[in-house]
Structures are given as structure tokens and as C-alpha cells.
Amino acid sequence: MNGKLQGIIVCGVVAACLGGVMLFLNSTNGGTDTESSSKSGISAPNKDESVVILERSSNDITAVKVVNEYGVFTLEKPESGKSNWTIGELGNVNQNATAESSMVSNLDNFEAKKLVEKDVEDMSKYGLDEPTAEFVVSYSDGTDVTVHVGSVSPGNERYSYVSLDDEKTVYMVMGTKLSYYTDPVTEYASLTLLAKPSDEDWPDYGKETVSRKDLDYDMTFENNPNEVEGLSGQVLTEPIFAYLNITNSSAATHGIWGLTAQSCEVLAPTDEDFKEYGLDDPFAEVRLSGDGYDYTLKIGDPVYQTVGDSSETTDTVTAYYCYFTGVNGVDCIYLVSADSLPWATVKAEDVITSLMTSNYLVDLSDIEVVYNGEKTVYEVESNGTSADTNEDGSTAEVTKVVCGGKELDIDNFKSFYQYLMGCPTNEIYFEEPEGESYMTITLNRKDGGKDVMEMYKDSSRRSVVKLNGKPSFRIQSGWTDSFVSNMEKLAKGEAVNDTY
């Protein structure tokens, strides 16, 4: 049901391994949990000592009221004819119908492992003088049964002691069966912050902005204005324009849909709660808005991995406290796994492609290079564009490349263009460069559009690239040196280099 239940199960495995050692040890704080079969010390074969302590069908239950260390809540069907159980104490927070239904069905002919002791004079030895929890089961015939939960059995920590109503009979019940009534009401809150739509119901993508305290820029994702096969349908528009790697970027662009938490921590949080969990001034904020929706995810304080069973923490972040707005039923501070929150760590370099531009060669009319004041123009001819398909199913191809009146080898020019398209994008850069551009590469398209790459010296080993007038990348100057060398090789009819 939750992490604590999983822990109980793990402890159970350990306890089972210790069973042989515990066989002849009696409880020092309650009744005897294990007994020898004879004075000779020979153990009797295991026998089923289970006993049903609530001999009623769960179909007859109308309500379950829980009182435990976390507070009081009641599970009931609010109106006649309604099939779903509800917990009023959850307020407007969406509820986990499956967990609530399991809470009721768990009480169907509710069974104890065994009867421990009858006619108990001192219920305190079982922790039942002041129970850790109680739950009242109400039935359709108007009767109620109260189950008291006492201390954990020292002989087998998988079990706890229980008693019914005012009876002085004590039973042992599996802790996992009791956890439904010893956990806080927040265990019955739905952990889905935003449901994932079906394939045919995905909304049109709008605009997502990621702000984070450890970055000196915001990241903005929007729809790709140009459909390019193999690339994401979205692009990065701030702090630079860049195409996205569809594999690396999908979690950042679409991870809001279907986002699920580990637990619900605080219902209807106050300003004090937001401050306590770092959500009054969040570490990160993600806003995704579009036609008919406007979502904001606030990411607050981190939770760190602990060392074993100790309270000592490591530097590894396992989860963050979050708050989500834009949909009904999630007015709660949630704990969300770090693995589900790419926005807490992602950087622009992590999601963009290695393509500075995305122009197909057949779509270009020419490529113009200005280097140290000298202009070189490569005129490109083709039998169509990338959008065209011939009757035989073939696509458009380059038919001729001319430079300075000289026809160039098409395959060698394709290698030259491939080198150009591989201009490195591994370091984004958006500070305005100083001085004048020493190289400008303009890719003119047949549709009248163009992309312009301007190179500026940043240092002896680095150059800044302004893409379409905006500082965008910093590259190794060795790339431009090799580009100039390739221009010379291309003019001579020599094979170009694909490295720098």
C-alpha cells in the first residue's frame, strides 16, 4: 500500500529467518507467542491457529471510523446508491478509490493469526490499556464493532495485539492488515497530479518555461515551427533557439502529463507549510500553458538518501516536495521522486541536438560564405524539395553545385555540407560578443527563408556563434579553421575532412 507497508514486509522476511532462534523464547511484555508441544522440548508441527474475529461480509459495512496517532477520519458512502467510498477529511483532494475499497474489503471475515489469551486481567501488557489506534466498523443492521490496536508482538514483529469492544480477549493480527487503520488519512489521497491523456486526446502543446535558482537563464520550450523528421516536435526558444533531441527532451517537454507523487504530505497547506517545505520561494518552477490549460509545478526542498537505517544523509537527492496548480483536487504538498522531476537538473545542453540548423540540402538555393571580407557562393540546384515525392516514390536530389562558375563534385559537396551541419552545439552561450564578425555563413532557402551563422573571436581557441542575430553557441576555433581548409579542398576537387 505504501513505503511503510513494504518495510513491514521486509522486516517480516528477517523475522522469519530468526524464527528458529525465537522458538523457545517467551514474550517478556505480553503472552507467549510460541509454545513447545511437550516438556521434552520437541516442537509440534505448525498448525493453523487462525480465528475469524469479524464474522461479517464487507458488503454489509457502511462506514469505518479510524482514530490513530495522526488524527481521526471516517470512510463512508455519503449518499444512498453511490458505489464509491469517500473520506470527508480529505477535503477537495482527489481520493484513491482503489485504496479505499481495499480498506473495506480487508475487513471481509477479518482474521487473526491466533487467539493469544482470554480473560486478560492486565491489558497493559499488550498495550491495549491505551491503544495506538482504534477503528469502528459500522454495519447496515445498525451494529458497530470497535477494534483496538495495541503493541507489536515482541516475539514476532510482523504482528500486533488487538482486542474487540470491551472484551478481555487478545488476538494477534498481521501488521499489514492493520496498516489501513494505523496510517494517516493522506495515504488515501490520489497521488496523480495530472492524469496522462490518451493518445488521441493529447492537447496542443503550448509554451513551457523552466526557472531554476542554480541557472542564470530560463528555458522555454515551444512547438517546432518546422517539421523535421527525427527531431522533436518542440524546440528550445530561450535562452537560445535550438532543435531538441526527441529522446533526451521528451521528459522535460511532456513530463507534466502523468506526473505522479510518492506520497501526499500536507493537505490544504498554509503559508507556514509552504515555508517549511521550501515552496514559498521554490528552487524550481515549471509553467506549461496552452489552449484551455495553465499548469504550474513548484519544486521545493529536496529529500536526501539516508545511510542504511541511520538518520545520516548522503548527497544523493531522492525526492522533492512539490505543489501543483492548474487542476482541481491537488491542493496538497506532495513528495515526488527526483526521477520524475527532470526540470530540477536539466540544462539546455542536455536536450538540444548537434544540429545548429535543420535545412535539407535540396531545400537550399545557395550557401554564401564571407570570410575576411571575401565572399564565396555555392549555388545548389535540385529536382525538387524535401516536401516532394516523385511518382516512383523517390525523393528530391541535388543535381548540380556551382561555385564561381565551376561545377563541383556533388558527393564531395555533400560531405562539405555535412561538416557544416555538424558545427558543434555542446556549449550554449548568449552574451553579446565584442568586435566584428570574421566569418558569416548564410544558408538561403528556396522558400525565401534563411539561417545566418556569424562567427566572432572570443579567445585564441574559442569563437562565439550568433545564430540569426542572437548569441547562441561557443565553439572551438579549430572548427572554423577546418571549415576554411575544406573550402579550399572543395575548390581544388580534393576530399574534405570531416574532423577538426
Protein backbone atom coordinates (compact mmCIF):
# COMPACT_ATOMS: atom_id res chain seq x y z
CA MET A 1 0.00 0.00 0.00
CA ASN A 2 2.86 2.38 0.80
CA GLY A 3 6.53 2.51 1.70
CA LYS A 4 5.87 1.67 5.31
CA LEU A 5 3.97 -1.45 4.36
CA GLN A 6 6.86 -2.52 2.16
CA GLY A 7 9.14 -2.03 5.14
CA ILE A 8 6.88 -4.23 7.24
CA ILE A 9 7.13 -6.97 4.63
CA VAL A 10 10.92 -6.72 4.54
CA CYS A 11 11.06 -6.89 8.33
CA GLY A 12 8.84 -9.91 8.09
CA VAL A 13 11.38 -11.74 5.96
CA VAL A 14 14.09 -11.02 8.54
CA ALA A 15 11.82 -12.11 11.37
CA ALA A 16 11.09 -15.37 9.59
CA CYS A 17 14.82 -16.10 9.37
CA LEU A 18 15.08 -15.60 13.13
CA GLY A 19 12.16 -17.91 13.78
CA GLY A 20 14.32 -20.83 14.82
CA VAL A 21 16.14 -18.75 17.43
CA MET A 22 12.89 -17.36 18.83
CA LEU A 23 11.22 -20.76 19.09
CA PHE A 24 11.93 -21.31 22.80
CA LEU A 25 11.85 -17.62 23.88
CA ASN A 26 8.74 -16.36 25.61
CA SER A 27 7.42 -12.78 25.39
CA THR A 28 8.62 -10.57 28.22
CA ASN A 29 5.94 -7.95 27.59
CA GLY A 30 2.86 -9.98 26.76
CA GLY A 31 1.60 -13.51 26.34
CA THR A 32 3.56 -16.45 24.98
CA ASP A 33 3.62 -16.25 21.16
CA THR A 34 5.19 -19.66 20.62
CA GLU A 35 4.77 -22.77 22.64
CA SER A 36 6.54 -26.11 22.85
CA SER A 37 4.40 -29.16 22.33
CA SER A 38 5.71 -31.06 25.30
CA LYS A 39 8.05 -30.90 28.24
CA SER A 40 10.60 -32.80 26.19
CA GLY A 41 11.16 -29.64 24.09
CA ILE A 42 10.22 -31.32 20.81
CA SER A 43 8.28 -28.80 18.67
CA ALA A 44 4.87 -29.75 17.38
CA PRO A 45 4.21 -29.42 13.69
CA ASN A 46 2.90 -25.98 12.66
CA LYS A 47 -0.86 -25.89 12.85
CA ASP A 48 -3.37 -23.31 11.77
CA GLU A 49 -4.49 -21.34 14.82
CA SER A 50 -6.17 -18.58 12.85
CA VAL A 51 -9.52 -17.30 14.02
CA VAL A 52 -12.05 -15.02 12.35
CA ILE A 53 -12.75 -12.11 14.68
CA LEU A 54 -15.17 -10.15 12.47
CA GLU A 55 -17.59 -12.71 11.08
CA ARG A 56 -19.33 -10.36 8.70
CA SER A 57 -19.16 -9.69 4.98
CA SER A 58 -17.58 -6.45 3.88
CA ASN A 59 -20.71 -5.93 1.77
CA ASP A 60 -22.56 -5.13 4.99
CA ILE A 61 -20.16 -2.34 6.02
CA THR A 62 -21.49 1.21 5.84
CA ALA A 63 -18.62 3.12 7.45
CA VAL A 64 -15.22 2.76 9.08
CA LYS A 65 -14.08 5.38 11.58
CA VAL A 66 -10.34 5.47 12.29
CA VAL A 67 -8.62 7.04 15.31
CA ASN A 68 -4.83 6.87 15.40
CA GLU A 69 -1.76 8.94 16.21
CA TYR A 70 -2.26 11.05 13.08
CA GLY A 71 -5.86 12.05 13.77
CA VAL A 72 -9.39 10.95 13.04
CA PHE A 73 -11.08 10.16 9.72
CA THR A 74 -14.14 8.29 8.54
CA LEU A 75 -14.62 6.27 5.38
CA GLU A 76 -18.24 6.09 4.25
CA LYS A 77 -20.67 6.19 1.35
CA PRO A 78 -22.09 9.71 1.52
CA GLU A 79 -25.34 9.07 -0.36
CA SER A 80 -27.58 6.10 -0.97
CA GLY A 81 -26.88 4.36 -4.23
CA LYS A 82 -23.33 5.67 -4.64
CA SER A 83 -20.73 2.98 -5.09
CA ASN A 84 -17.57 4.94 -4.26
CA TRP A 85 -16.31 5.27 -0.73
CA THR A 86 -15.17 8.72 0.36
CA ILE A 87 -13.25 10.25 3.25
CA GLY A 88 -14.55 13.68 4.20
CA GLU A 89 -11.33 14.64 5.95
CA LEU A 90 -9.50 14.63 2.60
CA GLY A 91 -11.48 17.73 1.66
CA ASN A 92 -11.20 18.64 -2.01
CA VAL A 93 -8.14 16.46 -2.66
CA ASN A 94 -8.70 13.67 -5.16
CA GLN A 95 -9.08 10.30 -3.45
CA ASN A 96 -7.59 6.91 -4.18
CA ALA A 97 -10.73 4.83 -4.74
CA THR A 98 -8.72 1.61 -5.02
CA ALA A 99 -7.08 2.09 -1.62
CA GLU A 100 -10.42 2.98 -0.01
CA SER A 101 -12.09 -0.08 -1.48
CA SER A 102 -9.21 -2.25 -0.25
CA MET A 103 -9.60 -0.80 3.24
CA VAL A 104 -13.17 -2.12 3.33
CA SER A 105 -12.61 -5.47 1.62
CA ASN A 106 -9.74 -6.09 4.05
CA LEU A 107 -12.41 -6.43 6.77
CA ASP A 108 -14.25 -9.23 4.99
CA ASN A 109 -14.30 -12.03 7.60
CA PHE A 110 -11.38 -10.29 9.30
CA GLU A 111 -8.94 -12.90 10.55
CA ALA A 112 -6.37 -13.02 13.36
CA LYS A 113 -3.33 -15.28 13.33
CA LYS A 114 -4.38 -16.71 16.65
CA LEU A 115 -6.05 -16.10 19.95
CA VAL A 116 -3.33 -15.12 22.44
CA GLU A 117 -5.13 -15.02 25.78
CA LYS A 118 -8.66 -14.97 27.22
CA ASP A 119 -9.92 -13.22 30.33
CA VAL A 120 -6.91 -10.92 30.46
CA GLU A 121 -6.66 -9.10 33.79
CA ASP A 122 -3.98 -6.59 32.74
CA MET A 123 -4.50 -5.33 29.20
CA SER A 124 -1.48 -3.03 29.56
CA LYS A 125 0.92 -5.90 28.92
CA TYR A 126 -0.47 -5.98 25.38
CA GLY A 127 -0.55 -2.19 25.01
CA LEU A 128 -4.34 -2.33 24.96
CA ASP A 129 -4.94 -0.17 28.01
CA GLU A 130 -4.02 2.79 25.78
CA PRO A 131 -4.34 1.53 22.21
CA THR A 132 -2.13 3.02 19.48
CA ALA A 133 -5.14 3.02 17.17
CA GLU A 134 -8.81 2.13 17.08
CA PHE A 135 -11.26 1.67 14.26
CA VAL A 136 -15.02 1.35 14.46
CA VAL A 137 -16.74 -0.78 11.82
CA SER A 138 -20.40 0.09 11.25
CA TYR A 139 -22.77 -2.38 9.60
CA SER A 140 -26.03 -1.98 7.72
CA ASP A 141 -28.04 -3.53 10.57
CA GLY A 142 -27.03 -0.66 12.85
CA THR A 143 -24.41 -2.54 14.85
CA ASP A 144 -20.82 -1.41 15.44
CA VAL A 145 -17.64 -3.24 16.35
CA THR A 146 -14.59 -1.42 17.71
CA VAL A 147 -11.17 -2.92 17.09
CA HIS A 148 -8.38 -1.77 19.43
CA VAL A 149 -4.77 -1.99 18.23
CA GLY A 150 -2.14 -2.47 20.91
CA SER A 151 1.61 -3.02 20.89
CA VAL A 152 3.69 -5.00 18.43
CA SER A 153 4.33 -8.59 19.43
CA PRO A 154 7.92 -8.87 20.75
CA GLY A 155 8.03 -12.49 19.63
CA ASN A 156 7.10 -11.69 16.03
CA GLU A 157 7.18 -8.06 14.97
CA ARG A 158 5.06 -8.74 11.92
CA TYR A 159 2.05 -8.91 14.23
CA SER A 160 0.30 -6.64 16.71
CA TYR A 161 -2.11 -7.34 19.53
CA VAL A 162 -5.79 -6.44 19.14
CA SER A 163 -9.00 -6.71 21.11
CA LEU A 164 -12.67 -6.09 20.32
CA ASP A 165 -15.07 -3.70 22.05
CA ASP A 166 -14.88 -4.18 25.83
CA GLU A 167 -13.79 -7.79 25.63
CA LYS A 168 -10.75 -9.03 27.55
CA THR A 169 -9.67 -11.43 24.82
CA VAL A 170 -6.44 -10.64 22.95
CA TYR A 171 -5.57 -11.70 19.40
CA MET A 172 -2.57 -11.34 17.10
CA VAL A 173 -3.15 -9.73 13.71
CA MET A 174 -0.74 -9.23 10.82
CA GLY A 175 0.58 -5.67 10.75
CA THR A 176 -0.08 -5.30 7.02
CA LYS A 177 -3.79 -5.96 7.66
CA LEU A 178 -3.81 -3.27 10.34
CA SER A 179 -1.86 -0.64 8.40
CA TYR A 180 -5.06 0.51 6.70
CA TYR A 181 -6.13 1.86 10.09
CA THR A 182 -2.80 2.94 11.58
CA ASP A 183 -1.68 5.09 8.63
CA PRO A 184 -2.58 8.78 8.23
CA VAL A 185 -5.55 9.85 6.12
CA THR A 186 -3.15 11.16 3.45
CA GLU A 187 -2.49 7.53 2.47
CA TYR A 188 -5.91 7.62 0.82
CA ALA A 189 -5.21 10.66 -1.33
CA SER A 190 -4.69 10.13 -5.05
CA LEU A 191 -1.05 10.59 -5.99
CA THR A 192 -1.71 11.60 -9.60
CA LEU A 193 -1.03 15.30 -10.00
CA LEU A 194 -2.10 15.39 -13.65
CA ALA A 195 -3.61 12.44 -15.49
CA LYS A 196 -1.89 11.37 -18.69
CA PRO A 197 -4.26 11.78 -21.64
CA SER A 198 -4.96 9.02 -24.12
CA ASP A 199 -3.09 9.08 -27.42
CA GLU A 200 -5.97 10.73 -29.24
CA ASP A 201 -6.67 13.29 -26.50
CA TRP A 202 -3.29 14.97 -26.15
CA PRO A 203 -3.79 18.76 -26.01
CA ASP A 204 -1.98 21.07 -28.39
CA TYR A 205 1.43 21.94 -26.99
CA GLY A 206 1.67 25.50 -25.77
CA LYS A 207 4.66 27.02 -24.02
CA GLU A 208 6.71 25.64 -21.14
CA THR A 209 9.10 27.78 -19.12
CA VAL A 210 11.54 26.32 -16.59
CA SER A 211 13.05 28.65 -13.98
CA ARG A 212 15.68 27.40 -11.54
CA LYS A 213 17.80 29.06 -8.88
CA ASP A 214 21.03 27.36 -9.95
CA LEU A 215 20.74 28.58 -13.56
CA ASP A 216 21.25 32.16 -14.75
CA TYR A 217 18.74 31.65 -17.54
CA ASP A 218 15.22 30.33 -18.07
CA MET A 219 14.49 27.54 -20.52
CA THR A 220 11.47 27.89 -22.78
CA PHE A 221 10.06 25.13 -24.96
CA GLU A 222 7.57 25.75 -27.77
CA ASN A 223 6.29 24.00 -30.87
CA ASN A 224 8.82 23.47 -33.64
CA PRO A 225 7.94 25.92 -36.45
CA ASN A 226 9.44 23.48 -38.98
CA GLU A 227 8.58 19.80 -39.04
CA VAL A 228 11.86 17.93 -39.32
CA GLU A 229 11.93 14.14 -39.46
CA GLY A 230 13.75 12.62 -36.48
CA LEU A 231 13.58 15.76 -34.35
CA SER A 232 11.24 16.64 -31.51
CA GLY A 233 8.00 18.44 -32.25
CA GLN A 234 9.20 21.12 -29.83
CA VAL A 235 12.20 23.45 -29.87
CA LEU A 236 14.11 25.45 -27.30
CA THR A 237 13.38 29.15 -27.81
CA GLU A 238 15.07 30.57 -24.70
CA PRO A 239 17.85 31.25 -23.81
CA ILE A 240 18.68 30.33 -27.43
CA PHE A 241 16.89 28.79 -30.36
CA ALA A 242 17.84 25.14 -30.74
CA TYR A 243 16.33 21.90 -32.00
CA LEU A 244 15.65 19.20 -29.44
CA ASN A 245 16.80 15.62 -29.28
CA ILE A 246 13.48 13.79 -29.12
CA THR A 247 14.84 11.09 -26.78
CA ASN A 248 16.56 13.39 -24.32
CA SER A 249 13.93 16.13 -24.26
CA SER A 250 10.59 14.33 -24.04
CA ALA A 251 10.63 14.07 -20.24
CA ALA A 252 11.25 17.80 -19.92
CA THR A 253 8.69 18.84 -22.54
CA HIS A 254 5.91 16.35 -21.71
CA GLY A 255 6.66 15.02 -18.22
CA ILE A 256 3.99 17.19 -16.60
CA TRP A 257 1.29 14.93 -18.05
CA GLY A 258 1.04 11.78 -15.96
CA LEU A 259 3.15 13.21 -13.12
CA THR A 260 2.69 11.08 -10.00
CA ALA A 261 3.87 11.59 -6.42
CA GLN A 262 5.28 9.18 -3.87
CA SER A 263 3.10 10.49 -1.07
CA CYS A 264 0.75 13.25 -0.01
CA GLU A 265 2.39 15.12 2.86
CA VAL A 266 0.22 18.12 3.79
CA LEU A 267 -3.44 18.64 2.93
CA ALA A 268 -4.64 22.18 2.15
CA PRO A 269 -1.24 23.71 3.03
CA THR A 270 -0.94 27.12 4.67
CA ASP A 271 1.68 29.80 4.11
CA GLU A 272 3.60 28.34 7.04
CA ASP A 273 3.54 24.92 5.39
CA PHE A 274 4.84 26.36 2.11
CA LYS A 275 7.70 27.97 4.01
CA GLU A 276 8.52 24.79 5.93
CA TYR A 277 8.83 22.75 2.74
CA GLY A 278 10.67 25.38 0.69
CA LEU A 279 7.70 26.18 -1.51
CA ASP A 280 7.30 29.84 -0.59
CA ASP A 281 10.45 30.52 -2.62
CA PRO A 282 10.80 27.33 -4.69
CA PHE A 283 14.08 26.01 -6.01
CA ALA A 284 12.48 25.48 -9.40
CA GLU A 285 9.24 26.37 -11.12
CA VAL A 286 7.76 24.88 -14.28
CA ARG A 287 4.87 26.58 -16.06
CA LEU A 288 3.19 24.91 -19.03
CA SER A 289 0.28 26.78 -20.59
CA GLY A 290 -1.73 26.38 -23.76
CA ASP A 291 -5.21 26.44 -25.17
CA GLY A 292 -7.51 25.61 -22.24
CA TYR A 293 -4.85 24.82 -19.64
CA ASP A 294 -2.30 26.56 -17.43
CA TYR A 295 -0.22 24.35 -15.13
CA THR A 296 2.46 25.39 -12.64
CA LEU A 297 4.70 22.95 -10.77
CA LYS A 298 6.69 24.33 -7.84
CA ILE A 299 9.67 22.28 -6.70
CA GLY A 300 10.78 22.98 -3.13
CA ASP A 301 13.17 21.40 -0.66
CA PRO A 302 14.98 18.16 -1.55
CA VAL A 303 14.98 14.92 0.42
CA TYR A 304 18.32 13.16 0.62
CA GLN A 305 19.14 9.48 0.65
CA THR A 306 19.99 8.11 4.10
CA VAL A 307 22.76 5.71 5.03
CA GLY A 308 21.21 2.36 5.85
CA ASP A 309 18.82 2.65 8.79
CA SER A 310 20.57 5.68 10.25
CA SER A 311 19.50 9.30 10.07
CA GLU A 312 22.77 10.24 8.36
CA THR A 313 22.20 11.54 4.86
CA THR A 314 24.21 11.41 1.66
CA ASP A 315 24.48 13.98 -1.12
CA THR A 316 22.05 12.00 -3.29
CA VAL A 317 18.65 13.65 -3.74
CA THR A 318 15.85 11.08 -3.87
CA ALA A 319 12.78 13.34 -3.94
CA TYR A 320 11.48 16.90 -3.71
CA TYR A 321 8.49 18.49 -2.02
CA CYS A 322 6.18 19.87 -4.72
CA TYR A 323 2.99 21.82 -5.17
CA PHE A 324 0.92 21.79 -8.34
CA THR A 325 -1.70 24.21 -9.65
CA GLY A 326 -3.93 24.29 -12.69
CA VAL A 327 -6.18 21.31 -11.95
CA ASN A 328 -8.74 20.60 -9.25
CA GLY A 329 -8.17 18.12 -6.45
CA VAL A 330 -4.41 18.54 -5.85
CA ASP A 331 -4.35 21.11 -3.05
CA CYS A 332 -1.62 19.23 -1.24
CA ILE A 333 2.13 19.30 -0.72
CA TYR A 334 3.40 16.14 -2.37
CA LEU A 335 6.67 14.27 -2.18
CA VAL A 336 7.74 13.46 -5.74
CA SER A 337 10.60 11.20 -6.79
CA ALA A 338 13.61 13.02 -8.21
CA ASP A 339 13.48 10.63 -11.17
CA SER A 340 10.11 12.13 -12.12
CA LEU A 341 11.38 15.72 -11.99
CA PRO A 342 13.82 16.30 -14.88
CA TRP A 343 13.29 20.06 -14.52
CA ALA A 344 15.27 20.02 -11.25
CA THR A 345 18.51 19.11 -13.04
CA VAL A 346 18.13 19.50 -16.82
CA LYS A 347 20.24 22.03 -18.70
CA ALA A 348 19.81 23.28 -22.24
CA GLU A 349 22.88 21.37 -23.42
CA ASP A 350 21.28 18.12 -22.22
CA VAL A 351 18.30 18.27 -24.57
CA ILE A 352 19.37 20.03 -27.76
CA THR A 353 20.61 18.26 -30.87
CA SER A 354 24.01 18.63 -32.50
CA LEU A 355 22.30 20.47 -35.37
CA MET A 356 22.65 24.23 -35.34
CA THR A 357 20.23 24.44 -38.28
CA SER A 358 17.91 21.89 -39.87
CA ASN A 359 17.95 22.76 -43.57
CA TYR A 360 17.82 19.92 -46.08
CA LEU A 361 20.38 20.47 -48.84
CA VAL A 362 17.71 20.09 -51.56
CA ASP A 363 15.78 22.98 -49.98
CA LEU A 364 18.69 25.44 -50.38
CA SER A 365 19.17 27.80 -53.29
CA ASP A 366 22.71 28.68 -52.24
CA ILE A 367 25.21 28.90 -49.39
CA GLU A 368 27.08 32.17 -49.02
CA VAL A 369 30.31 32.39 -47.04
CA VAL A 370 32.02 35.67 -46.21
CA TYR A 371 35.48 35.18 -44.70
CA ASN A 372 37.87 38.06 -44.06
CA GLY A 373 35.87 40.21 -46.45
CA GLU A 374 35.89 37.71 -49.32
CA LYS A 375 32.58 36.21 -50.47
CA THR A 376 32.15 32.66 -51.80
CA VAL A 377 28.78 31.46 -53.09
CA TYR A 378 27.79 27.82 -53.65
CA GLU A 379 24.75 27.61 -55.93
CA VAL A 380 22.66 24.49 -55.37
CA GLU A 381 20.32 23.01 -57.96
CA SER A 382 17.95 20.09 -57.30
CA ASN A 383 14.98 18.34 -58.90
CA GLY A 384 12.61 19.25 -56.05
CA THR A 385 12.43 19.93 -52.32
CA SER A 386 12.28 17.75 -49.22
CA ALA A 387 8.48 18.01 -49.34
CA ASP A 388 8.31 16.49 -52.82
CA THR A 389 7.94 12.82 -53.70
CA ASN A 390 8.28 11.59 -57.27
CA GLU A 391 5.79 9.21 -58.89
CA ASP A 392 8.16 6.29 -58.36
CA GLY A 393 8.39 7.11 -54.63
CA SER A 394 11.88 8.62 -54.83
CA THR A 395 12.70 11.91 -53.13
CA ALA A 396 14.35 15.02 -54.46
CA GLU A 397 18.10 15.02 -55.13
CA VAL A 398 20.79 17.63 -55.71
CA THR A 399 21.60 17.75 -59.42
CA LYS A 400 24.32 20.40 -59.59
CA VAL A 401 26.52 22.60 -57.39
CA VAL A 402 28.34 25.56 -58.91
CA CYS A 403 30.90 27.88 -57.31
CA GLY A 404 32.47 30.76 -59.21
CA GLY A 405 31.28 29.31 -62.50
CA LYS A 406 32.87 25.93 -61.75
CA GLU A 407 30.78 22.81 -61.24
CA LEU A 408 31.73 20.88 -58.08
CA ASP A 409 31.60 17.17 -57.32
CA ILE A 410 28.19 16.62 -55.73
CA ASP A 411 29.25 13.85 -53.33
CA ASN A 412 32.22 15.86 -52.11
CA PHE A 413 29.96 18.90 -51.61
CA LYS A 414 27.54 16.77 -49.60
CA SER A 415 30.45 15.86 -47.31
CA PHE A 416 31.30 19.55 -47.06
CA TYR A 417 27.69 20.36 -46.14
CA GLN A 418 27.63 17.54 -43.61
CA TYR A 419 30.66 19.10 -41.93
CA LEU A 420 28.85 22.45 -41.90
CA MET A 421 25.76 20.89 -40.32
CA GLY A 422 27.98 19.36 -37.64
CA CYS A 423 29.03 22.74 -36.25
CA PRO A 424 29.26 21.89 -32.52
CA THR A 425 26.42 22.87 -30.19
CA ASN A 426 27.73 21.41 -26.93
CA GLU A 427 28.23 24.80 -25.27
CA ILE A 428 25.43 27.32 -25.30
CA TYR A 429 26.45 30.96 -24.99
CA PHE A 430 24.29 34.07 -25.00
CA GLU A 431 26.49 37.02 -24.11
CA GLU A 432 26.91 39.61 -26.84
CA PRO A 433 30.38 39.17 -28.45
CA GLU A 434 32.80 42.02 -28.92
CA GLY A 435 34.29 43.22 -32.18
CA GLU A 436 33.33 42.37 -35.73
CA SER A 437 32.36 39.04 -37.23
CA TYR A 438 35.27 37.37 -39.04
CA MET A 439 33.07 34.82 -40.83
CA THR A 440 29.42 34.75 -41.86
CA ILE A 441 27.70 31.69 -43.32
CA THR A 442 24.26 32.26 -44.84
CA LEU A 443 22.04 29.37 -45.90
CA ASN A 444 19.41 30.69 -48.31
CA ARG A 445 16.36 28.52 -48.89
CA LYS A 446 14.22 28.25 -51.99
CA ASP A 447 11.18 29.36 -49.98
CA GLY A 448 12.86 32.70 -49.26
CA GLY A 449 13.88 31.89 -45.69
CA LYS A 450 17.42 31.74 -44.44
CA ASP A 451 19.69 30.93 -41.50
CA VAL A 452 22.70 33.11 -40.72
CA MET A 453 25.71 31.98 -38.68
CA GLU A 454 28.11 34.74 -37.64
CA MET A 455 31.47 33.87 -36.05
CA TYR A 456 33.24 36.15 -33.54
CA LYS A 457 36.60 35.62 -31.87
CA ASP A 458 36.15 35.02 -28.17
CA SER A 459 39.70 33.84 -27.41
CA SER A 460 42.58 32.23 -29.27
CA ARG A 461 40.79 28.88 -29.04
CA ARG A 462 37.10 29.79 -28.94
CA SER A 463 34.63 31.52 -31.21
CA VAL A 464 31.12 32.76 -30.45
CA VAL A 465 28.35 31.96 -32.94
CA LYS A 466 25.40 34.29 -33.39
CA LEU A 467 22.58 32.33 -34.98
CA ASN A 468 20.14 34.56 -36.83
CA GLY A 469 21.38 37.60 -34.96
CA LYS A 470 21.30 36.06 -31.47
CA PRO A 471 24.37 34.84 -29.49
CA SER A 472 23.78 31.11 -29.17
CA PHE A 473 26.89 28.93 -29.02
CA ARG A 474 30.61 28.98 -28.29
CA ILE A 475 32.69 26.62 -30.40
CA GLN A 476 36.31 25.63 -30.86
CA SER A 477 38.03 27.89 -33.37
CA GLY A 478 39.53 24.72 -34.82
CA TRP A 479 36.14 24.03 -36.39
CA THR A 480 36.20 27.28 -38.40
CA ASP A 481 39.86 26.70 -39.34
CA SER A 482 38.93 23.29 -40.76
CA PHE A 483 35.89 24.79 -42.47
CA VAL A 484 38.10 27.28 -44.34
CA SER A 485 40.50 24.47 -45.21
CA ASN A 486 37.58 22.42 -46.56
CA MET A 487 36.51 25.32 -48.74
CA GLU A 488 39.98 25.28 -50.31
CA LYS A 489 39.89 21.50 -50.76
CA LEU A 490 36.46 21.68 -52.33
CA ALA A 491 37.68 24.27 -54.88
CA LYS A 492 40.62 22.01 -55.79
CA GLY A 493 38.47 18.90 -56.12
CA GLU A 494 40.10 17.28 -53.09
CA ALA A 495 38.21 15.26 -50.48
CA VAL A 496 37.14 17.32 -47.48
CA ASN A 497 37.99 16.43 -43.89
CA ASP A 498 35.17 15.52 -41.50
CA THR A 499 37.18 16.26 -38.34
CA TYR A 500 38.79 19.31 -36.75
